[in-house]
Amino acid sequence: MNERDLELALTAKGWRRDATGAWTKAPPPDEPDAPPDAVDCESELHNEIMRVCDASGWLALHGSMAHRAYRTKGEWDFVILAEYPVLLLVECKTKTGKLTREQGALAAWATRLGWQPTVVRSLSEFATYCRTLGAEPKT
């Protein structure tokens, strides 16, 4: 996929570049950027999601938060295998956090392939995403 195709795919899915050039999901005009229960500390959200995955019996593949990924640039914070055939691709952000260019590109590519990656800013957004894809999280 060339740069122009990637840009078109992202824009079609509601992504836009901010002033710094980072990709960010454009909210619908009548909705705020972040839910009212959005986190200030991303690591707290990571811990909450890990707890839910453990309680639900799901396999959560999760990288270290101490440094950027050493595997694929833009890789999700979580790749979660729930009950077959549910695969959850989750990027966590604080209420003001934005996707990097690589994260936006990877999300667009996954979407083009038929997957449904998401950005969550709260545990309630994570639970809603899980239910949308057919997995019931245990809290």
Protein backbone atom coordinates (compact mmCIF):
# COMPACT_ATOMS: atom_id res chain seq x y z
CA MET A 1 0.00 0.00 0.00
CA ASN A 2 1.51 3.32 -1.01
CA GLU A 3 1.31 6.51 1.07
CA ARG A 4 -1.54 8.01 -0.96
CA ASP A 5 -3.70 4.86 -0.71
CA LEU A 6 -3.05 4.74 3.02
CA GLU A 7 -4.08 8.37 3.42
CA LEU A 8 -7.29 7.77 1.46
CA ALA A 9 -8.12 4.66 3.48
CA LEU A 10 -7.58 6.44 6.80
CA THR A 11 -9.59 9.48 5.76
CA ALA A 12 -12.46 7.28 4.58
CA LYS A 13 -12.59 5.63 8.00
CA GLY A 14 -12.84 8.98 9.84
CA TRP A 15 -9.16 9.53 10.66
CA ARG A 16 -7.45 12.90 10.21
CA ARG A 17 -4.05 14.43 10.85
CA ASP A 18 -3.68 16.90 13.70
CA ALA A 19 -1.33 19.91 13.71
CA THR A 20 1.66 17.68 14.54
CA GLY A 21 0.98 15.27 11.68
CA ALA A 22 -0.19 12.43 13.98
CA TRP A 23 -3.29 10.47 12.96
CA THR A 24 -6.29 10.90 15.22
CA LYS A 25 -9.83 9.54 15.00
CA ALA A 26 -12.22 12.36 14.20
CA PRO A 27 -15.15 12.29 16.63
CA PRO A 28 -18.67 12.75 15.32
CA PRO A 29 -19.61 16.45 15.57
CA ASP A 30 -22.03 15.90 18.46
CA GLU A 31 -19.72 13.72 20.56
CA PRO A 32 -16.67 14.68 22.64
CA ASP A 33 -13.21 13.28 21.90
CA ALA A 34 -13.08 11.25 25.11
CA PRO A 35 -15.70 9.63 27.32
CA PRO A 36 -16.30 11.19 30.74
CA ASP A 37 -14.55 8.26 32.44
CA ALA A 38 -11.41 8.50 30.24
CA VAL A 39 -8.18 7.82 32.12
CA ASP A 40 -5.39 10.24 32.91
CA CYS A 41 -2.86 7.42 33.29
CA GLU A 42 -2.60 4.85 30.51
CA SER A 43 -0.90 2.24 32.70
CA GLU A 44 -3.95 2.13 34.97
CA LEU A 45 -6.12 1.28 31.97
CA HIS A 46 -3.65 -1.42 30.92
CA ASN A 47 -3.88 -2.96 34.39
CA GLU A 48 -7.69 -2.87 34.36
CA ILE A 49 -7.83 -4.52 30.93
CA MET A 50 -5.37 -7.22 32.03
CA ARG A 51 -7.57 -7.90 35.09
CA VAL A 52 -10.68 -8.25 32.88
CA CYS A 53 -8.84 -10.54 30.45
CA ASP A 54 -7.66 -12.76 33.31
CA ALA A 55 -11.17 -12.90 34.84
CA SER A 56 -12.68 -13.68 31.42
CA GLY A 57 -10.17 -16.43 30.64
CA TRP A 58 -8.88 -14.61 27.56
CA LEU A 59 -5.33 -14.71 26.23
CA ALA A 60 -3.96 -11.16 26.25
CA LEU A 61 -0.75 -10.50 24.34
CA HIS A 62 0.63 -7.31 25.84
CA GLY A 63 3.94 -5.54 25.37
CA SER A 64 6.02 -3.59 27.85
CA MET A 65 5.03 0.01 28.50
CA ALA A 66 8.60 0.90 29.43
CA HIS A 67 9.64 1.44 25.80
CA ARG A 68 8.31 1.54 22.27
CA ALA A 69 7.57 -1.76 20.54
CA TYR A 70 10.57 -3.65 19.24
CA ARG A 71 8.39 -5.70 16.90
CA THR A 72 6.03 -3.89 14.52
CA LYS A 73 5.91 -0.09 14.62
CA GLY A 74 2.40 0.99 15.54
CA GLU A 75 1.56 -2.38 17.09
CA TRP A 76 -1.45 -2.42 19.40
CA ASP A 77 -1.08 -2.38 23.17
CA PHE A 78 -3.19 -5.54 23.31
CA VAL A 79 -3.95 -8.38 20.94
CA ILE A 80 -6.59 -10.39 22.80
CA LEU A 81 -7.86 -13.82 21.88
CA ALA A 82 -11.35 -14.13 23.37
CA GLU A 83 -13.80 -16.93 22.60
CA TYR A 84 -13.35 -18.10 19.00
CA PRO A 85 -13.58 -16.33 16.58
CA VAL A 86 -13.21 -13.04 18.48
CA LEU A 87 -9.89 -11.22 18.15
CA LEU A 88 -9.58 -7.87 19.91
CA LEU A 89 -7.01 -5.31 18.68
CA VAL A 90 -6.81 -2.62 21.35
CA GLU A 91 -4.79 0.58 21.53
CA CYS A 92 -5.07 2.38 24.89
CA LYS A 93 -4.86 6.14 25.15
CA THR A 94 -5.42 8.70 27.86
CA LYS A 95 -8.21 11.22 27.45
CA THR A 96 -5.86 13.46 25.44
CA GLY A 97 -3.62 10.79 23.86
CA LYS A 98 -3.28 10.59 20.08
CA LEU A 99 -2.30 7.84 17.71
CA THR A 100 1.11 7.98 16.10
CA ARG A 101 1.33 7.90 12.33
CA GLU A 102 2.39 4.24 12.50
CA GLN A 103 -0.53 3.33 14.76
CA GLY A 104 -3.00 5.00 12.40
CA ALA A 105 -1.47 3.26 9.40
CA LEU A 106 -1.61 -0.15 11.05
CA ALA A 107 -5.24 0.41 12.12
CA ALA A 108 -6.19 1.42 8.57
CA TRP A 109 -4.50 -1.63 7.11
CA ALA A 110 -6.16 -3.99 9.60
CA THR A 111 -9.53 -2.38 8.86
CA ARG A 112 -8.97 -2.83 5.13
CA LEU A 113 -8.36 -6.54 5.81
CA GLY A 114 -11.69 -6.81 7.64
CA TRP A 115 -10.53 -6.56 11.28
CA GLN A 116 -11.96 -4.05 13.74
CA PRO A 117 -9.15 -2.43 15.74
CA THR A 118 -10.06 0.21 18.30
CA VAL A 119 -8.73 2.91 20.56
CA VAL A 120 -10.06 2.85 24.11
CA ARG A 121 -9.73 5.57 26.72
CA SER A 122 -11.66 3.89 29.53
CA LEU A 123 -12.63 0.46 30.80
CA SER A 124 -16.24 1.12 29.79
CA GLU A 125 -15.12 1.75 26.17
CA PHE A 126 -13.17 -1.51 26.28
CA ALA A 127 -16.22 -3.42 27.55
CA THR A 128 -18.43 -1.88 24.85
CA TYR A 129 -15.90 -2.82 22.15
CA CYS A 130 -15.75 -6.41 23.44
CA ARG A 131 -19.54 -6.73 23.41
CA THR A 132 -19.74 -5.20 19.92
CA LEU A 133 -17.51 -7.99 18.63
CA GLY A 134 -19.39 -10.71 20.53
CA ALA A 135 -17.24 -11.22 23.63
CA GLU A 136 -18.68 -10.71 27.12
CA PRO A 137 -16.04 -9.37 29.52
CA LYS A 138 -16.14 -10.43 33.17
CA THR A 139 -15.39 -7.63 35.60
